[in-house]
Amino acid sequence: MSEFSNSAESRENLIPDIALNNGVRVPQLGFGVFQVPPEETQRVVEDALEAGYRHIDTAAAYRNEAGVGAAIAASGVPREELFVTTKLRNGEQGQALSAFHNSLRALGLDYVDLYLIHWPVPSQGLFVKAWQAMEKLYANNQARAIGISNFLSPHVDTLLEHAEVVPALNQIELHPTYQQRDLAAKCSSLGIAVEAYSPLGQGTDLDAATVRERATSHGATPAQIILAWHLAQGTVVIPKSANSARMRENLAATSIQLTQAEMESITALESGARIGSDPAVAAFTQM
């Protein structure tokens, strides 16, 4: 890949970041690779890096860590400028250390910036054991921060009863029609950052009349409006697109300032419309 253009560098510099509870800073607008086919991942991530993204979110269960690593190697972006997240596969919670090192090998990296337990899978009863192993990775600086994903309030409570390290972040389904406000507020009160996956409701929230009206008034896309709504609340957000033009459009959300009334009109879209699995009962272990 050729050197990045000045416009890409400018976009990168406009991405806000937030401090996690251990002082590590994470770019607030990142790029997710959920459901990106392994054979397409390198190209897609190279496009994202060229567009200006510096935060890449993957997982062992996505089976595309190698493509992410290949894109990072090909990009020429210094490692210290990147924030790389991956996640522990559900079926490997009892072998978290070996699973982590498998992910490092696939990524071709010496460390990750954030390592997450992907799902609590409470029926296994293993997420506390997994967390204790991850605390060792954190102590050894192999993961700059450790956190959780899809953890509901009872799971957070159970983990904190046994944890020495408070999770840096909880990655949850969060979008205008499914906001998990109580959970997000609890995490914030505990110093746990909130990261939204499916931030656009997998596209369904883009058709809301309120969102389209705000997009028209700002001369923006509906996706930009929803991403701006997330960013204004201090949420870390990881949209996904295989289209390089849309990647750049999403990055431009950082320049949109919504009024308080506009924020409230989008917040009012809450309908309890969960898209993904319910973490309270999800028991899949092949992920």
Protein backbone atom coordinates (compact mmCIF):
# COMPACT_ATOMS: atom_id res chain seq x y z
CA MET A 1 0.00 0.00 0.00
CA SER A 2 1.22 3.49 -0.76
CA GLU A 3 1.78 6.03 2.00
CA PHE A 4 -1.39 7.50 3.38
CA SER A 5 -2.63 10.76 1.95
CA ASN A 6 -2.71 13.96 3.98
CA SER A 7 -6.50 13.75 4.01
CA ALA A 8 -6.33 10.36 5.72
CA GLU A 9 -3.90 11.73 8.29
CA SER A 10 -6.21 14.68 8.91
CA ARG A 11 -9.17 12.38 9.49
CA GLU A 12 -7.13 10.33 11.93
CA ASN A 13 -6.18 13.46 13.85
CA LEU A 14 -9.85 14.42 14.15
CA ILE A 15 -10.87 11.15 15.83
CA PRO A 16 -11.44 11.86 19.53
CA ASP A 17 -10.11 9.44 22.09
CA ILE A 18 -11.03 8.66 25.68
CA ALA A 19 -8.98 7.45 28.62
CA LEU A 20 -9.75 4.01 29.99
CA ASN A 21 -9.59 3.47 33.75
CA ASN A 22 -5.89 2.59 33.58
CA GLY A 23 -4.95 5.67 31.53
CA VAL A 24 -4.70 3.87 28.18
CA ARG A 25 -6.35 5.99 25.51
CA VAL A 26 -8.66 4.44 22.92
CA PRO A 27 -9.81 6.11 19.68
CA GLN A 28 -13.52 6.64 20.21
CA LEU A 29 -14.45 5.80 16.61
CA GLY A 30 -13.04 2.47 15.50
CA PHE A 31 -13.57 -0.10 12.79
CA GLY A 32 -15.18 -3.50 13.38
CA VAL A 33 -14.66 -6.62 11.28
CA PHE A 34 -17.54 -8.79 12.52
CA GLN A 35 -18.84 -10.90 9.60
CA VAL A 36 -16.06 -9.75 7.26
CA PRO A 37 -15.04 -12.96 5.42
CA PRO A 38 -11.47 -14.04 6.21
CA GLU A 39 -10.47 -13.86 2.56
CA GLU A 40 -11.60 -10.22 2.34
CA THR A 41 -10.34 -9.00 5.68
CA GLN A 42 -6.88 -7.82 4.66
CA ARG A 43 -8.26 -5.65 1.85
CA VAL A 44 -11.05 -4.23 3.99
CA VAL A 45 -8.78 -3.39 6.92
CA GLU A 46 -6.14 -1.89 4.62
CA ASP A 47 -8.87 0.36 3.21
CA ALA A 48 -9.93 1.32 6.73
CA LEU A 49 -6.38 2.16 7.77
CA GLU A 50 -5.87 4.19 4.62
CA ALA A 51 -9.09 6.07 5.33
CA GLY A 52 -7.69 7.05 8.73
CA TYR A 53 -8.98 4.50 11.23
CA ARG A 54 -6.50 3.55 13.93
CA HIS A 55 -8.72 1.37 16.14
CA ILE A 56 -9.48 -2.10 14.76
CA ASP A 57 -11.81 -4.54 16.54
CA THR A 58 -11.69 -8.27 15.80
CA ALA A 59 -12.19 -11.55 17.67
CA ALA A 60 -10.99 -15.14 17.57
CA ALA A 61 -14.56 -16.18 16.78
CA TYR A 62 -14.61 -14.02 13.65
CA ARG A 63 -11.84 -16.18 12.17
CA ASN A 64 -10.26 -13.15 10.53
CA GLU A 65 -7.50 -12.16 12.97
CA ALA A 66 -4.86 -13.23 10.42
CA GLY A 67 -6.31 -10.88 7.84
CA VAL A 68 -6.26 -8.02 10.33
CA GLY A 69 -2.64 -8.77 11.11
CA ALA A 70 -1.69 -8.94 7.43
CA ALA A 71 -3.34 -5.57 6.82
CA ILE A 72 -1.47 -4.00 9.73
CA ALA A 73 1.83 -5.38 8.44
CA ALA A 74 1.16 -4.16 4.91
CA SER A 75 -0.03 -0.71 5.94
CA GLY A 76 3.24 0.60 7.28
CA VAL A 77 1.41 2.35 10.12
CA PRO A 78 3.62 2.30 13.23
CA ARG A 79 2.30 -0.20 15.76
CA GLU A 80 2.20 2.42 18.52
CA GLU A 81 -0.31 4.44 16.48
CA LEU A 82 -2.78 1.55 16.39
CA PHE A 83 -5.29 0.27 18.91
CA VAL A 84 -6.06 -3.41 18.31
CA THR A 85 -8.83 -5.28 20.14
CA THR A 86 -9.49 -9.00 20.01
CA LYS A 87 -11.65 -11.31 22.10
CA LEU A 88 -11.55 -14.67 23.87
CA ARG A 89 -13.60 -17.36 22.18
CA ASN A 90 -16.47 -18.66 24.33
CA GLY A 91 -15.38 -22.28 24.14
CA GLU A 92 -11.86 -21.39 25.31
CA GLN A 93 -12.70 -19.62 28.56
CA GLY A 94 -11.02 -22.45 30.44
CA GLN A 95 -7.84 -22.05 28.36
CA ALA A 96 -7.62 -18.26 28.16
CA LEU A 97 -3.82 -18.04 28.18
CA SER A 98 -3.28 -20.44 25.28
CA ALA A 99 -6.21 -18.89 23.39
CA PHE A 100 -4.67 -15.44 23.79
CA HIS A 101 -1.31 -16.59 22.44
CA ASN A 102 -3.06 -18.19 19.47
CA SER A 103 -4.67 -14.82 18.75
CA LEU A 104 -1.31 -13.05 19.03
CA ARG A 105 0.20 -15.49 16.53
CA ALA A 106 -2.70 -15.03 14.12
CA LEU A 107 -2.40 -11.24 14.38
CA GLY A 108 1.39 -11.32 14.10
CA LEU A 109 1.65 -8.96 17.06
CA ASP A 110 3.63 -8.89 20.30
CA TYR A 111 0.72 -7.46 22.31
CA VAL A 112 -2.84 -6.27 21.92
CA ASP A 113 -4.26 -3.04 23.22
CA LEU A 114 -7.46 -4.57 24.54
CA TYR A 115 -8.45 -8.18 25.20
CA LEU A 116 -12.08 -8.97 25.97
CA ILE A 117 -14.10 -11.92 27.22
CA HIS A 118 -16.45 -12.17 24.26
CA TRP A 119 -19.58 -13.42 26.09
CA PRO A 120 -20.16 -14.36 29.72
CA VAL A 121 -21.84 -17.70 28.85
CA PRO A 122 -23.07 -18.01 32.46
CA SER A 123 -24.06 -21.65 31.97
CA GLN A 124 -20.35 -22.56 31.69
CA GLY A 125 -19.41 -20.84 34.94
CA LEU A 126 -15.95 -20.05 33.57
CA PHE A 127 -15.80 -16.33 32.99
CA VAL A 128 -14.24 -15.60 36.41
CA LYS A 129 -11.50 -18.16 35.71
CA ALA A 130 -10.94 -16.58 32.31
CA TRP A 131 -10.70 -13.13 33.86
CA GLN A 132 -8.11 -14.26 36.39
CA ALA A 133 -5.98 -15.59 33.54
CA MET A 134 -6.41 -12.32 31.66
CA GLU A 135 -5.23 -10.40 34.72
CA LYS A 136 -1.92 -12.24 34.31
CA LEU A 137 -1.69 -11.13 30.68
CA TYR A 138 -2.33 -7.58 31.80
CA ALA A 139 0.29 -7.79 34.54
CA ASN A 140 2.80 -9.04 31.94
CA ASN A 141 1.97 -6.14 29.56
CA GLN A 142 0.78 -8.53 26.86
CA ALA A 143 -2.56 -6.75 26.86
CA ARG A 144 -2.48 -3.03 27.59
CA ALA A 145 -6.05 -3.26 28.88
CA ILE A 146 -8.54 -6.05 29.56
CA GLY A 147 -12.28 -5.93 29.46
CA ILE A 148 -15.56 -7.69 28.84
CA SER A 149 -18.23 -7.92 26.17
CA ASN A 150 -21.95 -8.66 26.45
CA PHE A 151 -21.78 -8.63 30.25
CA LEU A 152 -25.07 -7.71 31.89
CA SER A 153 -25.31 -6.22 35.38
CA PRO A 154 -25.36 -9.58 37.26
CA HIS A 155 -22.32 -10.77 35.30
CA VAL A 156 -20.46 -7.56 36.12
CA ASP A 157 -21.31 -7.97 39.80
CA THR A 158 -20.07 -11.57 39.87
CA LEU A 159 -16.85 -10.66 38.13
CA LEU A 160 -16.11 -7.74 40.44
CA GLU A 161 -16.52 -9.99 43.48
CA HIS A 162 -13.44 -11.91 42.34
CA ALA A 163 -11.48 -9.45 40.19
CA GLU A 164 -8.32 -7.63 41.18
CA VAL A 165 -8.49 -5.52 38.01
CA VAL A 166 -11.69 -3.64 37.17
CA PRO A 167 -12.57 -4.19 33.50
CA ALA A 168 -11.52 -1.27 31.34
CA LEU A 169 -14.47 -1.56 28.98
CA ASN A 170 -17.72 -3.42 28.34
CA GLN A 171 -18.62 -3.87 24.67
CA ILE A 172 -22.39 -4.25 24.33
CA GLU A 173 -25.14 -4.04 21.76
CA LEU A 174 -26.15 -0.39 21.81
CA HIS A 175 -28.01 1.71 19.24
CA PRO A 176 -30.90 4.20 19.28
CA THR A 177 -33.62 1.56 19.47
CA TYR A 178 -31.76 -0.54 22.06
CA GLN A 179 -29.75 1.57 24.47
CA GLN A 180 -29.30 -0.52 27.64
CA ARG A 181 -29.27 2.74 29.61
CA ASP A 182 -29.18 1.20 33.09
CA LEU A 183 -26.28 -1.08 32.17
CA ALA A 184 -24.36 1.73 30.47
CA ALA A 185 -24.89 4.00 33.48
CA LYS A 186 -23.73 1.30 35.88
CA CYS A 187 -20.58 0.65 33.87
CA SER A 188 -19.80 4.36 33.74
CA SER A 189 -20.27 4.67 37.50
CA LEU A 190 -17.74 1.86 37.98
CA GLY A 191 -15.19 3.43 35.67
CA ILE A 192 -15.88 0.88 32.93
CA ALA A 193 -16.02 2.47 29.48
CA VAL A 194 -18.95 1.55 27.23
CA GLU A 195 -18.38 0.46 23.65
CA ALA A 196 -21.27 0.02 21.22
CA TYR A 197 -21.42 -2.78 18.71
CA SER A 198 -24.15 -2.83 16.05
CA PRO A 199 -24.18 0.95 16.60
CA LEU A 200 -26.55 1.50 13.67
CA GLY A 201 -28.89 -1.32 14.68
CA GLN A 202 -27.35 -3.30 11.78
CA GLY A 203 -28.86 -0.64 9.53
CA THR A 204 -32.42 -0.78 10.83
CA ASP A 205 -32.15 2.45 12.84
CA LEU A 206 -31.10 4.40 9.74
CA ASP A 207 -34.68 4.48 8.50
CA ALA A 208 -36.12 6.25 11.54
CA ALA A 209 -37.83 9.47 10.50
CA THR A 210 -36.09 11.40 13.30
CA VAL A 211 -32.68 10.26 12.11
CA ARG A 212 -33.44 11.10 8.49
CA GLU A 213 -34.72 14.55 9.46
CA ARG A 214 -31.54 15.28 11.41
CA ALA A 215 -29.45 14.02 8.47
CA THR A 216 -31.24 16.38 6.08
CA SER A 217 -30.80 19.38 8.35
CA HIS A 218 -27.06 18.70 8.77
CA GLY A 219 -26.42 17.70 5.15
CA ALA A 220 -25.20 14.37 6.52
CA THR A 221 -25.97 10.69 6.13
CA PRO A 222 -28.25 8.93 8.64
CA ALA A 223 -25.25 6.83 9.73
CA GLN A 224 -23.24 9.96 10.48
CA ILE A 225 -26.06 11.29 12.66
CA ILE A 226 -26.30 8.11 14.72
CA LEU A 227 -22.53 7.89 15.10
CA ALA A 228 -22.43 11.54 16.20
CA TRP A 229 -25.11 10.70 18.80
CA HIS A 230 -22.91 7.89 20.16
CA LEU A 231 -19.77 10.03 20.21
CA ALA A 232 -21.50 12.89 22.03
CA GLN A 233 -22.32 10.50 24.88
CA GLY A 234 -18.72 9.40 25.30
CA THR A 235 -19.39 5.94 23.89
CA VAL A 236 -16.69 4.09 21.96
CA VAL A 237 -18.23 2.96 18.68
CA ILE A 238 -17.10 0.46 16.03
CA PRO A 239 -19.11 0.66 12.79
CA LYS A 240 -18.34 -1.79 10.01
CA SER A 241 -18.42 -1.32 6.25
CA ALA A 242 -16.64 -3.06 3.40
CA ASN A 243 -17.18 0.04 1.24
CA SER A 244 -14.23 2.45 1.39
CA ALA A 245 -16.39 5.49 0.58
CA ARG A 246 -18.74 4.64 3.44
CA MET A 247 -15.77 4.14 5.75
CA ARG A 248 -14.79 7.73 5.09
CA GLU A 249 -18.36 8.93 5.48
CA ASN A 250 -18.53 7.29 8.90
CA LEU A 251 -15.28 8.95 9.98
CA ALA A 252 -16.75 12.33 9.06
CA ALA A 253 -19.29 11.87 11.87
CA THR A 254 -16.63 13.27 14.20
CA SER A 255 -17.28 16.75 12.76
CA ILE A 256 -21.05 16.75 13.44
CA GLN A 257 -22.32 18.53 16.55
CA LEU A 258 -25.88 17.70 17.55
CA THR A 259 -27.95 20.05 19.69
CA GLN A 260 -29.39 18.88 22.98
CA ALA A 261 -32.84 18.73 21.37
CA GLU A 262 -31.48 16.62 18.51
CA MET A 263 -29.77 14.28 20.96
CA GLU A 264 -33.00 13.86 22.90
CA SER A 265 -35.01 13.17 19.75
CA ILE A 266 -32.70 10.26 18.88
CA THR A 267 -32.60 8.98 22.44
CA ALA A 268 -36.41 8.90 22.33
CA LEU A 269 -36.21 6.13 19.70
CA GLU A 270 -35.59 3.54 22.44
CA SER A 271 -37.91 0.58 21.83
CA GLY A 272 -36.14 -2.38 23.44
CA ALA A 273 -35.38 -3.77 19.98
CA ARG A 274 -32.53 -6.16 20.72
CA ILE A 275 -30.96 -7.58 17.56
CA GLY A 276 -28.38 -9.99 18.93
CA SER A 277 -28.54 -12.85 21.40
CA ASP A 278 -29.51 -12.32 25.03
CA PRO A 279 -26.33 -12.64 27.15
CA ALA A 280 -28.40 -13.89 30.10
CA VAL A 281 -29.12 -17.15 28.31
CA ALA A 282 -26.72 -17.30 25.35
CA ALA A 283 -24.86 -20.59 25.63
CA PHE A 284 -23.09 -21.01 22.29
CA THR A 285 -19.57 -22.27 22.85
CA GLN A 286 -18.38 -22.60 19.25
CA MET A 287 -17.85 -18.85 18.95
